[in-house]
Structure formats: structure tokens, C-alpha cells
Amino acid sequence: MRLACVTALVLAVGCGDKAPADQYTVRGRIAAMPAGEQSKEIDVHHEAIPTYKHRDGKVRGMDAMVMTFAPASGVSLTGLAPGDPVEMTFEVRWDDHPALVIQRIQELPPDTQLQLAP
């Protein structure tokens, strides 16, 4: 009986594979890149995200700002540099660290016009 309860709990909670709270695709400009092999995070000055849901689940949007993101396993930052315009898709995982995880990133043409003012 105890084994059945534990098994049911594991199936209900999952095995550590938390679904992201939300996923967004946004354009922005790379503000800073990792300084060394220990840091894999990237700072991006992104455009406003009007559909952004906050931790409470309410859509309040987010102004354009610089935020720190971590690339997911298998997402390469090779060839990117500060100042490059990019489009990226990221997941929000409120209870994880890092909470903002890039699932896809691609460089945009250098003359891409971005709306980065607050």
C-alpha cells in the first residue's frame, strides 16, 4: 500500500520535469555576454512584452528592459556579441534557477529597428 501511494505521488507531481509557467518570443539587443566558462548567462535589452504574466498568473505586461537569461542545454551563443539584435524564445520557470531560460535565439539583421525605450 505504501509503495502504491508513493508511486501515485511521483506520478502526480512528476519527476522533476516542471512545465514552464509561460513561453514568450521577443526581440532585443544583446547587452552583455558571458565573461567566462563559469557564467553562461546573457543580458538582453528586450522589447516590451504586453502579454507577460507575472508570478500570480495575471497579465500585466512588461516594459522594455535589460534582463538576464540562461540558454537551455543545446542552445548555442556562438557567433553572438554585445550589440547584436536578436529574436529569442524563452520560458519562465518561477521556482527554478535560472528562472528565464532561452529555448531558441537567432541573430537578426544589423539594421533591425527595435523598440527599446521604456
C-alpha atoms as a PDB file:
ATOM      1  CA  MET A   1       0.000   0.000   0.000  1.00  0.00           C
ATOM      2  CA  ARG A   2       2.760   2.431   0.928  1.00  0.00           C
ATOM      3  CA  LEU A   3       4.559   1.757  -2.386  1.00  0.00           C
ATOM      4  CA  ALA A   4       1.333   2.424  -4.285  1.00  0.00           C
ATOM      5  CA  CYS A   5       0.897   5.774  -2.505  1.00  0.00           C
ATOM      6  CA  VAL A   6       4.484   6.813  -3.223  1.00  0.00           C
ATOM      7  CA  THR A   7       4.125   5.785  -6.870  1.00  0.00           C
ATOM      8  CA  ALA A   8       0.880   7.763  -7.187  1.00  0.00           C
ATOM      9  CA  LEU A   9       2.530  10.805  -5.632  1.00  0.00           C
ATOM     10  CA  VAL A  10       5.511  10.631  -8.008  1.00  0.00           C
ATOM     11  CA  LEU A  11       3.187  10.338 -10.987  1.00  0.00           C
ATOM     12  CA  ALA A  12       1.064  13.252  -9.804  1.00  0.00           C
ATOM     13  CA  VAL A  13       3.996  15.546  -9.052  1.00  0.00           C
ATOM     14  CA  GLY A  14       6.285  14.372 -11.815  1.00  0.00           C
ATOM     15  CA  CYS A  15       9.929  13.502 -11.751  1.00  0.00           C
ATOM     16  CA  GLY A  16      11.438  16.958 -11.675  1.00  0.00           C
ATOM     17  CA  ASP A  17      10.267  17.909 -15.162  1.00  0.00           C
ATOM     18  CA  LYS A  18       8.414  21.090 -14.374  1.00  0.00           C
ATOM     19  CA  ALA A  19       6.435  22.656 -17.155  1.00  0.00           C
ATOM     20  CA  PRO A  20       7.292  26.299 -17.758  1.00  0.00           C
ATOM     21  CA  ALA A  21       4.812  28.848 -16.461  1.00  0.00           C
ATOM     22  CA  ASP A  22       4.834  30.590 -19.841  1.00  0.00           C
ATOM     23  CA  GLN A  23       6.826  30.976 -23.038  1.00  0.00           C
ATOM     24  CA  TYR A  24       7.469  34.199 -24.973  1.00  0.00           C
ATOM     25  CA  THR A  25       9.149  35.197 -28.219  1.00  0.00           C
ATOM     26  CA  VAL A  26      10.727  38.630 -28.100  1.00  0.00           C
ATOM     27  CA  ARG A  27      13.237  40.753 -29.982  1.00  0.00           C
ATOM     28  CA  GLY A  28      16.047  42.662 -28.351  1.00  0.00           C
ATOM     29  CA  ARG A  29      19.713  43.606 -28.364  1.00  0.00           C
ATOM     30  CA  ILE A  30      22.445  41.712 -26.539  1.00  0.00           C
ATOM     31  CA  ALA A  31      23.679  43.918 -23.697  1.00  0.00           C
ATOM     32  CA  ALA A  32      26.296  41.557 -22.229  1.00  0.00           C
ATOM     33  CA  MET A  33      27.706  38.099 -22.893  1.00  0.00           C
ATOM     34  CA  PRO A  34      29.224  35.523 -20.514  1.00  0.00           C
ATOM     35  CA  ALA A  35      32.589  36.622 -19.141  1.00  0.00           C
ATOM     36  CA  GLY A  36      33.950  33.098 -18.854  1.00  0.00           C
ATOM     37  CA  GLU A  37      33.094  29.441 -18.899  1.00  0.00           C
ATOM     38  CA  GLN A  38      31.561  29.578 -15.406  1.00  0.00           C
ATOM     39  CA  SER A  39      28.862  32.041 -16.430  1.00  0.00           C
ATOM     40  CA  LYS A  40      26.521  31.031 -19.220  1.00  0.00           C
ATOM     41  CA  GLU A  41      24.015  33.834 -18.712  1.00  0.00           C
ATOM     42  CA  ILE A  42      23.365  36.564 -21.250  1.00  0.00           C
ATOM     43  CA  ASP A  43      21.875  40.027 -20.717  1.00  0.00           C
ATOM     44  CA  VAL A  44      19.360  41.134 -23.337  1.00  0.00           C
ATOM     45  CA  HIS A  45      17.646  44.525 -23.627  1.00  0.00           C
ATOM     46  CA  HIS A  46      14.297  43.249 -24.884  1.00  0.00           C
ATOM     47  CA  GLU A  47      11.259  44.985 -26.328  1.00  0.00           C
ATOM     48  CA  ALA A  48       8.079  45.287 -24.272  1.00  0.00           C
ATOM     49  CA  ILE A  49       6.084  42.095 -23.716  1.00  0.00           C
ATOM     50  CA  PRO A  50       2.425  43.167 -23.407  1.00  0.00           C
ATOM     51  CA  THR A  51       1.188  39.601 -22.745  1.00  0.00           C
ATOM     52  CA  TYR A  52       3.686  38.855 -19.945  1.00  0.00           C
ATOM     53  CA  LYS A  53       2.110  37.047 -16.970  1.00  0.00           C
ATOM     54  CA  HIS A  54       3.552  37.718 -13.560  1.00  0.00           C
ATOM     55  CA  ARG A  55       4.057  35.114 -10.842  1.00  0.00           C
ATOM     56  CA  ASP A  56       0.429  35.484  -9.747  1.00  0.00           C
ATOM     57  CA  GLY A  57      -0.702  34.459 -13.254  1.00  0.00           C
ATOM     58  CA  LYS A  58      -2.156  37.863 -14.094  1.00  0.00           C
ATOM     59  CA  VAL A  59      -1.257  39.517 -17.386  1.00  0.00           C
ATOM     60  CA  ARG A  60       0.314  42.856 -16.526  1.00  0.00           C
ATOM     61  CA  GLY A  61       2.814  43.098 -19.328  1.00  0.00           C
ATOM     62  CA  MET A  62       6.452  44.061 -19.066  1.00  0.00           C
ATOM     63  CA  ASP A  63       8.188  47.185 -20.308  1.00  0.00           C
ATOM     64  CA  ALA A  64      11.324  47.052 -22.416  1.00  0.00           C
ATOM     65  CA  MET A  65      14.269  46.401 -20.107  1.00  0.00           C
ATOM     66  CA  VAL A  66      17.546  44.569 -19.684  1.00  0.00           C
ATOM     67  CA  MET A  67      17.151  41.097 -18.181  1.00  0.00           C
ATOM     68  CA  THR A  68      19.429  38.127 -17.631  1.00  0.00           C
ATOM     69  CA  PHE A  69      18.641  34.845 -19.396  1.00  0.00           C
ATOM     70  CA  ALA A  70      20.321  31.434 -19.406  1.00  0.00           C
ATOM     71  CA  PRO A  71      20.457  29.324 -22.564  1.00  0.00           C
ATOM     72  CA  ALA A  72      18.874  25.881 -22.312  1.00  0.00           C
ATOM     73  CA  SER A  73      21.062  22.862 -22.880  1.00  0.00           C
ATOM     74  CA  GLY A  74      21.892  22.705 -26.570  1.00  0.00           C
ATOM     75  CA  VAL A  75      21.256  26.406 -27.235  1.00  0.00           C
ATOM     76  CA  SER A  76      24.447  27.970 -28.564  1.00  0.00           C
ATOM     77  CA  LEU A  77      25.541  31.574 -28.119  1.00  0.00           C
ATOM     78  CA  THR A  78      28.392  31.082 -30.585  1.00  0.00           C
ATOM     79  CA  GLY A  79      28.728  33.936 -33.040  1.00  0.00           C
ATOM     80  CA  LEU A  80      26.683  36.361 -30.942  1.00  0.00           C
ATOM     81  CA  ALA A  81      28.193  39.508 -29.442  1.00  0.00           C
ATOM     82  CA  PRO A  82      27.081  42.531 -27.402  1.00  0.00           C
ATOM     83  CA  GLY A  83      25.147  44.927 -29.623  1.00  0.00           C
ATOM     84  CA  ASP A  84      23.716  42.192 -31.868  1.00  0.00           C
ATOM     85  CA  PRO A  85      19.946  42.370 -32.448  1.00  0.00           C
ATOM     86  CA  VAL A  86      18.306  39.008 -31.743  1.00  0.00           C
ATOM     87  CA  GLU A  87      14.974  37.258 -31.598  1.00  0.00           C
ATOM     88  CA  MET A  88      14.609  34.671 -28.866  1.00  0.00           C
ATOM     89  CA  THR A  89      12.047  32.397 -27.346  1.00  0.00           C
ATOM     90  CA  PHE A  90      12.334  31.946 -23.603  1.00  0.00           C
ATOM     91  CA  GLU A  91      10.499  30.071 -20.880  1.00  0.00           C
ATOM     92  CA  VAL A  92       9.631  31.382 -17.449  1.00  0.00           C
ATOM     93  CA  ARG A  93      10.136  28.865 -14.632  1.00  0.00           C
ATOM     94  CA  TRP A  94       9.280  30.758 -11.455  1.00  0.00           C
ATOM     95  CA  ASP A  95      10.578  28.189  -8.986  1.00  0.00           C
ATOM     96  CA  ASP A  96      13.796  27.270 -10.805  1.00  0.00           C
ATOM     97  CA  HIS A  97      17.175  28.926 -11.037  1.00  0.00           C
ATOM     98  CA  PRO A  98      17.658  30.287 -13.560  1.00  0.00           C
ATOM     99  CA  ALA A  99      14.026  31.274 -13.990  1.00  0.00           C
ATOM    100  CA  LEU A 100      14.370  32.661 -17.553  1.00  0.00           C
ATOM    101  CA  VAL A 101      15.638  30.047 -19.993  1.00  0.00           C
ATOM    102  CA  ILE A 102      16.296  30.680 -23.693  1.00  0.00           C
ATOM    103  CA  GLN A 103      14.922  27.875 -25.865  1.00  0.00           C
ATOM    104  CA  ARG A 104      15.862  29.481 -29.200  1.00  0.00           C
ATOM    105  CA  ILE A 105      17.919  32.512 -30.193  1.00  0.00           C
ATOM    106  CA  GLN A 106      18.835  33.850 -33.603  1.00  0.00           C
ATOM    107  CA  GLU A 107      20.666  36.931 -34.774  1.00  0.00           C
ATOM    108  CA  LEU A 108      18.635  39.479 -36.724  1.00  0.00           C
ATOM    109  CA  PRO A 109      19.958  41.743 -39.499  1.00  0.00           C
ATOM    110  CA  PRO A 110      22.160  44.540 -38.080  1.00  0.00           C
ATOM    111  CA  ASP A 111      19.768  47.257 -39.285  1.00  0.00           C
ATOM    112  CA  THR A 112      16.739  45.771 -37.458  1.00  0.00           C
ATOM    113  CA  GLN A 113      14.749  48.542 -35.781  1.00  0.00           C
ATOM    114  CA  LEU A 114      13.895  47.704 -32.165  1.00  0.00           C
ATOM    115  CA  GLN A 115      11.524  49.474 -29.738  1.00  0.00           C
ATOM    116  CA  LEU A 116      13.712  49.529 -26.611  1.00  0.00           C
ATOM    117  CA  ALA A 117      12.609  52.760 -24.920  1.00  0.00           C
ATOM    118  CA  PRO A 118      10.702  52.241 -21.646  1.00  0.00           C
END
